[in-house]
Amino acid sequence: MMKRILTGILLLSVAVLVLGACSNDSSKGNAEKENKEDMVATVDGKGISKKDYEKELDVMKATYEQQGMPADQMDSKQKEELEKSVLDQMINAELLLQTAEKDGVSIEDKEVDAELEKIKTNFEDEKQFEEALKKNEMTEKELKSQLKKQMTVNKYLDSKIGEVEATDEEIQAMYDQYKQMAQAQKQEPEELEKIKPQLEQQVLSGKENEKISKLVEDLRKENEDKIEIHKA
């Protein structure tokens, strides 16, 4: 589920989905002491800083550019939608984290350490890993903090979503869509049995995302009075 951060493999390993990065560690009420000019939003008193928002926005812009949609070619409406999307993701991430913690979801430090070691195995050596951290202006301690937040939210989502299944009919429907696209591009489609595992995963991911979206939508409605957006 919700994955993103750093470069290369880390982009698939940390931070939150549908949701972007969680806010910095800060006790409830701290946001009220901060200058509102430094905050783009608060969620039940916890602030999302302009610095974190702009960093997350830059990551999203880079992702769009890799897909052939550079930000400097977007019109004002597209830029506005992108900015709103990033802010919504960060608000959703903070809201999910707070809800998970209130529900008593917790992650032990040894679990975080184990996940960090998995990430490190995707680098040639410790030096390359440290260079990736430096490039993204992040310390290992900060990465572990973000990892813990992501793992907490993932654990909460798993408990709420439960098991999902893909039926043969759903997999066949997914295959039919793929086959039509391949034929439209004058390409020879793969046989169903050869790509069935990938199609099944697509069906499962789609169902999970639908459930996550509904859960987030409900949480936003329930906590509407606790969300304050400072950014126009």
C-alpha atoms as a PDB file:
ATOM      1  CA  MET A   1       0.000   0.000   0.000  1.00  0.00           C
ATOM      2  CA  MET A   2       1.057   3.592   0.471  1.00  0.00           C
ATOM      3  CA  LYS A   3       4.687   3.799  -0.543  1.00  0.00           C
ATOM      4  CA  ARG A   4       7.143   6.538  -1.467  1.00  0.00           C
ATOM      5  CA  ILE A   5      10.385   8.498  -0.468  1.00  0.00           C
ATOM      6  CA  LEU A   6      14.075   8.997  -1.261  1.00  0.00           C
ATOM      7  CA  THR A   7      15.376   7.757  -4.629  1.00  0.00           C
ATOM      8  CA  GLY A   8      15.320   4.532  -6.593  1.00  0.00           C
ATOM      9  CA  ILE A   9      14.152   1.640  -4.451  1.00  0.00           C
ATOM     10  CA  LEU A  10      13.385   3.967  -1.546  1.00  0.00           C
ATOM     11  CA  LEU A  11      10.681   5.578  -3.637  1.00  0.00           C
ATOM     12  CA  LEU A  12       8.930   2.222  -3.355  1.00  0.00           C
ATOM     13  CA  SER A  13       9.734   1.611   0.267  1.00  0.00           C
ATOM     14  CA  VAL A  14       8.868   4.414   2.635  1.00  0.00           C
ATOM     15  CA  ALA A  15       6.426   7.222   3.539  1.00  0.00           C
ATOM     16  CA  VAL A  16       2.733   7.226   2.981  1.00  0.00           C
ATOM     17  CA  LEU A  17      -0.446   6.472  -0.510  1.00  0.00           C
ATOM     18  CA  VAL A  18      -2.210   7.127  -1.589  1.00  0.00           C
ATOM     19  CA  LEU A  19      -0.932   9.541   0.967  1.00  0.00           C
ATOM     20  CA  GLY A  20       2.398  11.426   0.976  1.00  0.00           C
ATOM     21  CA  ALA A  21       4.590  12.116   3.975  1.00  0.00           C
ATOM     22  CA  CYS A  22       3.326  12.479   7.542  1.00  0.00           C
ATOM     23  CA  SER A  23       3.955  15.670   9.462  1.00  0.00           C
ATOM     24  CA  ASN A  24       6.939  16.135  11.729  1.00  0.00           C
ATOM     25  CA  ASP A  25       6.854  14.808  15.281  1.00  0.00           C
ATOM     26  CA  SER A  26       5.212  17.496  17.376  1.00  0.00           C
ATOM     27  CA  SER A  27       2.945  17.381  20.385  1.00  0.00           C
ATOM     28  CA  LYS A  28      -0.649  18.509  20.103  1.00  0.00           C
ATOM     29  CA  GLY A  29      -0.940  22.239  20.438  1.00  0.00           C
ATOM     30  CA  ASN A  30       2.525  23.050  19.125  1.00  0.00           C
ATOM     31  CA  ALA A  31       1.012  24.228  15.864  1.00  0.00           C
ATOM     32  CA  GLU A  32      -0.854  26.949  17.716  1.00  0.00           C
ATOM     33  CA  LYS A  33       2.451  28.370  18.943  1.00  0.00           C
ATOM     34  CA  GLU A  34       3.927  28.393  15.449  1.00  0.00           C
ATOM     35  CA  ASN A  35       3.512  31.297  13.090  1.00  0.00           C
ATOM     36  CA  LYS A  36       0.670  30.312  10.767  1.00  0.00           C
ATOM     37  CA  GLU A  37       2.792  31.528   7.866  1.00  0.00           C
ATOM     38  CA  ASP A  38       5.016  28.484   8.497  1.00  0.00           C
ATOM     39  CA  MET A  39       2.091  26.057   8.322  1.00  0.00           C
ATOM     40  CA  VAL A  40      -0.032  25.023   5.351  1.00  0.00           C
ATOM     41  CA  ALA A  41      -2.535  23.110   7.496  1.00  0.00           C
ATOM     42  CA  THR A  42      -3.202  21.655  10.948  1.00  0.00           C
ATOM     43  CA  VAL A  43      -4.885  18.359  11.803  1.00  0.00           C
ATOM     44  CA  ASP A  44      -6.293  18.259  15.327  1.00  0.00           C
ATOM     45  CA  GLY A  45      -3.642  20.753  16.387  1.00  0.00           C
ATOM     46  CA  LYS A  46      -0.682  19.107  14.651  1.00  0.00           C
ATOM     47  CA  GLY A  47       0.851  21.232  11.963  1.00  0.00           C
ATOM     48  CA  ILE A  48       1.974  20.435   8.434  1.00  0.00           C
ATOM     49  CA  SER A  49       4.846  22.802   7.711  1.00  0.00           C
ATOM     50  CA  LYS A  50       5.275  24.785   4.535  1.00  0.00           C
ATOM     51  CA  LYS A  51       8.788  23.345   4.223  1.00  0.00           C
ATOM     52  CA  ASP A  52       7.530  19.734   4.282  1.00  0.00           C
ATOM     53  CA  TYR A  53       4.708  20.612   1.903  1.00  0.00           C
ATOM     54  CA  GLU A  54       7.040  22.242  -0.624  1.00  0.00           C
ATOM     55  CA  LYS A  55       9.415  19.278  -0.417  1.00  0.00           C
ATOM     56  CA  GLU A  56       6.553  16.855  -1.048  1.00  0.00           C
ATOM     57  CA  LEU A  57       5.321  19.039  -3.909  1.00  0.00           C
ATOM     58  CA  ASP A  58       8.782  18.943  -5.512  1.00  0.00           C
ATOM     59  CA  VAL A  59       8.784  15.134  -5.294  1.00  0.00           C
ATOM     60  CA  MET A  60       5.397  14.985  -7.012  1.00  0.00           C
ATOM     61  CA  LYS A  61       6.507  17.438  -9.714  1.00  0.00           C
ATOM     62  CA  ALA A  62       9.555  15.267 -10.392  1.00  0.00           C
ATOM     63  CA  THR A  63       7.278  12.227 -10.707  1.00  0.00           C
ATOM     64  CA  TYR A  64       5.077  14.053 -13.208  1.00  0.00           C
ATOM     65  CA  GLU A  65       8.136  15.162 -15.175  1.00  0.00           C
ATOM     66  CA  GLN A  66       9.336  11.548 -15.435  1.00  0.00           C
ATOM     67  CA  GLN A  67       5.934  10.756 -16.938  1.00  0.00           C
ATOM     68  CA  GLY A  68       6.382  13.467 -19.559  1.00  0.00           C
ATOM     69  CA  MET A  69       4.308  16.145 -17.808  1.00  0.00           C
ATOM     70  CA  PRO A  70       6.759  18.817 -16.589  1.00  0.00           C
ATOM     71  CA  ALA A  71       5.293  21.347 -14.158  1.00  0.00           C
ATOM     72  CA  ASP A  72       6.442  24.327 -16.244  1.00  0.00           C
ATOM     73  CA  GLN A  73       4.129  23.169 -19.026  1.00  0.00           C
ATOM     74  CA  MET A  74       1.058  22.941 -16.786  1.00  0.00           C
ATOM     75  CA  ASP A  75      -1.600  25.639 -16.936  1.00  0.00           C
ATOM     76  CA  SER A  76      -2.747  27.425 -13.783  1.00  0.00           C
ATOM     77  CA  LYS A  77      -5.660  25.026 -13.215  1.00  0.00           C
ATOM     78  CA  GLN A  78      -3.421  21.955 -13.467  1.00  0.00           C
ATOM     79  CA  LYS A  79      -0.896  23.459 -11.049  1.00  0.00           C
ATOM     80  CA  GLU A  80      -3.682  24.323  -8.612  1.00  0.00           C
ATOM     81  CA  GLU A  81      -5.035  20.757  -8.785  1.00  0.00           C
ATOM     82  CA  LEU A  82      -1.543  19.332  -8.209  1.00  0.00           C
ATOM     83  CA  GLU A  83      -0.958  21.555  -5.174  1.00  0.00           C
ATOM     84  CA  LYS A  84      -4.362  20.643  -3.722  1.00  0.00           C
ATOM     85  CA  SER A  85      -3.707  16.946  -4.317  1.00  0.00           C
ATOM     86  CA  VAL A  86      -0.385  17.040  -2.462  1.00  0.00           C
ATOM     87  CA  LEU A  87      -1.868  18.947   0.469  1.00  0.00           C
ATOM     88  CA  ASP A  88      -4.819  16.546   0.666  1.00  0.00           C
ATOM     89  CA  GLN A  89      -2.428  13.584   0.691  1.00  0.00           C
ATOM     90  CA  MET A  90      -0.439  15.074   3.562  1.00  0.00           C
ATOM     91  CA  ILE A  91      -3.601  15.862   5.547  1.00  0.00           C
ATOM     92  CA  ASN A  92      -4.888  12.338   4.940  1.00  0.00           C
ATOM     93  CA  ALA A  93      -1.566  10.866   6.047  1.00  0.00           C
ATOM     94  CA  GLU A  94      -1.567  12.827   9.298  1.00  0.00           C
ATOM     95  CA  LEU A  95      -5.213  11.982   9.926  1.00  0.00           C
ATOM     96  CA  LEU A  96      -4.582   8.272   9.366  1.00  0.00           C
ATOM     97  CA  LEU A  97      -1.543   8.326  11.654  1.00  0.00           C
ATOM     98  CA  GLN A  98      -3.455  10.053  14.455  1.00  0.00           C
ATOM     99  CA  THR A  99      -6.373   7.637  14.076  1.00  0.00           C
ATOM    100  CA  ALA A 100      -4.040   4.621  14.139  1.00  0.00           C
ATOM    101  CA  GLU A 101      -2.328   5.868  17.304  1.00  0.00           C
ATOM    102  CA  LYS A 102      -5.686   6.529  18.985  1.00  0.00           C
ATOM    103  CA  ASP A 103      -6.677   2.960  18.104  1.00  0.00           C
ATOM    104  CA  GLY A 104      -3.606   1.735  19.954  1.00  0.00           C
ATOM    105  CA  VAL A 105      -1.642   0.621  16.910  1.00  0.00           C
ATOM    106  CA  SER A 106       2.085   0.518  17.646  1.00  0.00           C
ATOM    107  CA  ILE A 107       5.290  -0.607  15.962  1.00  0.00           C
ATOM    108  CA  GLU A 108       8.305  -1.863  17.897  1.00  0.00           C
ATOM    109  CA  ASP A 109      11.738  -0.388  17.212  1.00  0.00           C
ATOM    110  CA  LYS A 110      13.059  -3.794  16.158  1.00  0.00           C
ATOM    111  CA  GLU A 111      10.414  -3.921  13.414  1.00  0.00           C
ATOM    112  CA  VAL A 112      11.569  -0.544  12.126  1.00  0.00           C
ATOM    113  CA  ASP A 113      15.217  -1.660  12.257  1.00  0.00           C
ATOM    114  CA  ALA A 114      14.357  -4.781  10.260  1.00  0.00           C
ATOM    115  CA  GLU A 115      12.575  -2.710   7.606  1.00  0.00           C
ATOM    116  CA  LEU A 116      15.516  -0.300   7.435  1.00  0.00           C
ATOM    117  CA  GLU A 117      17.903  -3.189   6.844  1.00  0.00           C
ATOM    118  CA  LYS A 118      15.711  -4.393   3.962  1.00  0.00           C
ATOM    119  CA  ILE A 119      15.982  -0.951   2.393  1.00  0.00           C
ATOM    120  CA  LYS A 120      19.757  -0.880   2.818  1.00  0.00           C
ATOM    121  CA  THR A 121      20.124  -4.154   0.913  1.00  0.00           C
ATOM    122  CA  ASN A 122      19.011  -2.312  -2.212  1.00  0.00           C
ATOM    123  CA  PHE A 123      22.165  -0.193  -2.113  1.00  0.00           C
ATOM    124  CA  GLU A 124      25.656  -1.329  -3.052  1.00  0.00           C
ATOM    125  CA  ASP A 125      27.044  -0.275   0.296  1.00  0.00           C
ATOM    126  CA  GLU A 126      26.501   1.990   3.310  1.00  0.00           C
ATOM    127  CA  LYS A 127      28.126   4.907   1.511  1.00  0.00           C
ATOM    128  CA  GLN A 128      25.618   4.803  -1.339  1.00  0.00           C
ATOM    129  CA  PHE A 129      22.766   4.646   1.170  1.00  0.00           C
ATOM    130  CA  GLU A 130      24.142   7.663   3.054  1.00  0.00           C
ATOM    131  CA  GLU A 131      24.514   9.571  -0.221  1.00  0.00           C
ATOM    132  CA  ALA A 132      20.828   8.923  -0.975  1.00  0.00           C
ATOM    133  CA  LEU A 133      19.906  10.259   2.457  1.00  0.00           C
ATOM    134  CA  LYS A 134      22.073  13.346   1.947  1.00  0.00           C
ATOM    135  CA  LYS A 135      20.589  13.987  -1.486  1.00  0.00           C
ATOM    136  CA  ASN A 136      17.138  13.999   0.062  1.00  0.00           C
ATOM    137  CA  GLU A 137      18.222  16.121   3.029  1.00  0.00           C
ATOM    138  CA  MET A 138      17.341  13.391   5.505  1.00  0.00           C
ATOM    139  CA  THR A 139      19.177  11.703   8.358  1.00  0.00           C
ATOM    140  CA  GLU A 140      18.873   8.010   9.166  1.00  0.00           C
ATOM    141  CA  LYS A 141      17.058   8.953  12.367  1.00  0.00           C
ATOM    142  CA  GLU A 142      14.497  10.953  10.383  1.00  0.00           C
ATOM    143  CA  LEU A 143      14.091   8.090   7.935  1.00  0.00           C
ATOM    144  CA  LYS A 144      13.413   5.665  10.794  1.00  0.00           C
ATOM    145  CA  SER A 145      10.851   8.090  12.179  1.00  0.00           C
ATOM    146  CA  GLN A 146       9.072   8.240   8.813  1.00  0.00           C
ATOM    147  CA  LEU A 147       9.309   4.467   8.479  1.00  0.00           C
ATOM    148  CA  LYS A 148       7.659   3.990  11.850  1.00  0.00           C
ATOM    149  CA  LYS A 149       4.821   6.300  10.849  1.00  0.00           C
ATOM    150  CA  GLN A 150       4.298   4.474   7.571  1.00  0.00           C
ATOM    151  CA  MET A 151       4.356   1.072   9.237  1.00  0.00           C
ATOM    152  CA  THR A 152       1.895   2.259  11.879  1.00  0.00           C
ATOM    153  CA  VAL A 153      -0.543   3.468   9.216  1.00  0.00           C
ATOM    154  CA  ASN A 154      -0.097   0.314   7.127  1.00  0.00           C
ATOM    155  CA  LYS A 155      -0.810  -1.865  10.163  1.00  0.00           C
ATOM    156  CA  TYR A 156      -3.949   0.154  10.890  1.00  0.00           C
ATOM    157  CA  LEU A 157      -5.123  -0.091   7.276  1.00  0.00           C
ATOM    158  CA  ASP A 158      -4.518  -3.833   7.182  1.00  0.00           C
ATOM    159  CA  SER A 159      -6.690  -4.240  10.270  1.00  0.00           C
ATOM    160  CA  LYS A 160      -9.498  -2.195   8.728  1.00  0.00           C
ATOM    161  CA  ILE A 161      -9.387  -3.489   5.162  1.00  0.00           C
ATOM    162  CA  GLY A 162      -9.009  -7.186   5.834  1.00  0.00           C
ATOM    163  CA  GLU A 163      -8.493  -9.790   3.137  1.00  0.00           C
ATOM    164  CA  VAL A 164      -9.476  -9.086  -0.465  1.00  0.00           C
ATOM    165  CA  GLU A 165      -9.851 -11.681  -3.201  1.00  0.00           C
ATOM    166  CA  ALA A 166      -9.750 -11.655  -6.989  1.00  0.00           C
ATOM    167  CA  THR A 167     -12.255 -13.879  -8.781  1.00  0.00           C
ATOM    168  CA  ASP A 168     -11.557 -15.595 -12.105  1.00  0.00           C
ATOM    169  CA  GLU A 169     -14.206 -13.368 -13.688  1.00  0.00           C
ATOM    170  CA  GLU A 170     -12.454 -10.202 -12.478  1.00  0.00           C
ATOM    171  CA  ILE A 171      -9.088 -11.435 -13.713  1.00  0.00           C
ATOM    172  CA  GLN A 172     -10.620 -12.303 -17.087  1.00  0.00           C
ATOM    173  CA  ALA A 173     -12.173  -8.828 -17.332  1.00  0.00           C
ATOM    174  CA  MET A 174      -8.779  -7.265 -16.565  1.00  0.00           C
ATOM    175  CA  TYR A 175      -7.183  -9.465 -19.212  1.00  0.00           C
ATOM    176  CA  ASP A 176      -9.802  -8.478 -21.789  1.00  0.00           C
ATOM    177  CA  GLN A 177      -8.976  -4.791 -21.182  1.00  0.00           C
ATOM    178  CA  TYR A 178      -5.265  -5.503 -21.545  1.00  0.00           C
ATOM    179  CA  LYS A 179      -5.865  -7.498 -24.735  1.00  0.00           C
ATOM    180  CA  GLN A 180      -7.886  -4.693 -26.315  1.00  0.00           C
ATOM    181  CA  MET A 181      -5.173  -2.148 -25.502  1.00  0.00           C
ATOM    182  CA  ALA A 182      -2.439  -4.396 -26.926  1.00  0.00           C
ATOM    183  CA  GLN A 183      -4.400  -4.984 -30.131  1.00  0.00           C
ATOM    184  CA  ALA A 184      -5.146  -1.262 -30.475  1.00  0.00           C
ATOM    185  CA  GLN A 185      -1.383  -0.646 -30.350  1.00  0.00           C
ATOM    186  CA  LYS A 186      -0.851  -3.460 -32.871  1.00  0.00           C
ATOM    187  CA  GLN A 187       1.009  -5.569 -30.304  1.00  0.00           C
ATOM    188  CA  GLU A 188       0.700  -9.277 -29.700  1.00  0.00           C
ATOM    189  CA  PRO A 189      -0.924  -9.810 -26.271  1.00  0.00           C
ATOM    190  CA  GLU A 190       0.584 -12.288 -23.833  1.00  0.00           C
ATOM    191  CA  GLU A 191      -1.364 -15.433 -23.019  1.00  0.00           C
ATOM    192  CA  LEU A 192      -3.638 -15.160 -19.976  1.00  0.00           C
ATOM    193  CA  GLU A 193      -1.853 -17.827 -17.945  1.00  0.00           C
ATOM    194  CA  LYS A 194       1.499 -16.118 -18.434  1.00  0.00           C
ATOM    195  CA  ILE A 195       0.420 -12.804 -16.929  1.00  0.00           C
ATOM    196  CA  LYS A 196      -2.326 -14.041 -14.623  1.00  0.00           C
ATOM    197  CA  PRO A 197      -0.333 -13.310 -11.401  1.00  0.00           C
ATOM    198  CA  GLN A 198       0.177  -9.670 -12.454  1.00  0.00           C
ATOM    199  CA  LEU A 199      -3.478  -9.277 -13.409  1.00  0.00           C
ATOM    200  CA  GLU A 200      -4.568 -10.785 -10.100  1.00  0.00           C
ATOM    201  CA  GLN A 201      -2.362  -8.314  -8.237  1.00  0.00           C
ATOM    202  CA  GLN A 202      -3.888  -5.431 -10.190  1.00  0.00           C
ATOM    203  CA  VAL A 203      -7.382  -6.557  -9.216  1.00  0.00           C
ATOM    204  CA  LEU A 204      -6.362  -6.901  -5.551  1.00  0.00           C
ATOM    205  CA  SER A 205      -4.635  -3.510  -5.541  1.00  0.00           C
ATOM    206  CA  GLY A 206      -7.694  -1.890  -7.079  1.00  0.00           C
ATOM    207  CA  LYS A 207      -9.948  -3.343  -4.390  1.00  0.00           C
ATOM    208  CA  GLU A 208      -7.567  -2.318  -1.618  1.00  0.00           C
ATOM    209  CA  ASN A 209      -7.332   1.221  -2.991  1.00  0.00           C
ATOM    210  CA  GLU A 210     -11.119   1.486  -3.158  1.00  0.00           C
ATOM    211  CA  LYS A 211     -11.406   0.482   0.492  1.00  0.00           C
ATOM    212  CA  ILE A 212      -8.624   2.857   1.520  1.00  0.00           C
ATOM    213  CA  SER A 213     -10.242   5.730  -0.370  1.00  0.00           C
ATOM    214  CA  LYS A 214     -13.589   5.067   1.309  1.00  0.00           C
ATOM    215  CA  LEU A 215     -11.933   4.859   4.742  1.00  0.00           C
ATOM    216  CA  VAL A 216     -10.078   8.128   4.191  1.00  0.00           C
ATOM    217  CA  GLU A 217     -13.226   9.806   2.858  1.00  0.00           C
ATOM    218  CA  ASP A 218     -15.144   8.776   5.985  1.00  0.00           C
ATOM    219  CA  LEU A 219     -12.337   9.949   8.283  1.00  0.00           C
ATOM    220  CA  ARG A 220     -12.234  13.346   6.571  1.00  0.00           C
ATOM    221  CA  LYS A 221     -15.986  13.774   7.071  1.00  0.00           C
ATOM    222  CA  GLU A 222     -15.820  12.699  10.722  1.00  0.00           C
ATOM    223  CA  ASN A 223     -12.889  15.018  11.472  1.00  0.00           C
ATOM    224  CA  GLU A 224     -13.784  17.962   9.268  1.00  0.00           C
ATOM    225  CA  ASP A 225     -13.919  20.320  12.253  1.00  0.00           C
ATOM    226  CA  LYS A 226     -10.367  19.296  13.285  1.00  0.00           C
ATOM    227  CA  ILE A 227      -8.781  20.167   9.929  1.00  0.00           C
ATOM    228  CA  GLU A 228      -7.710  23.728   9.259  1.00  0.00           C
ATOM    229  CA  ILE A 229      -6.121  24.719   5.957  1.00  0.00           C
ATOM    230  CA  HIS A 230      -3.984  27.866   6.085  1.00  0.00           C
ATOM    231  CA  LYS A 231      -2.773  27.715   2.504  1.00  0.00           C
ATOM    232  CA  ALA A 232      -5.074  29.541   0.118  1.00  0.00           C
END
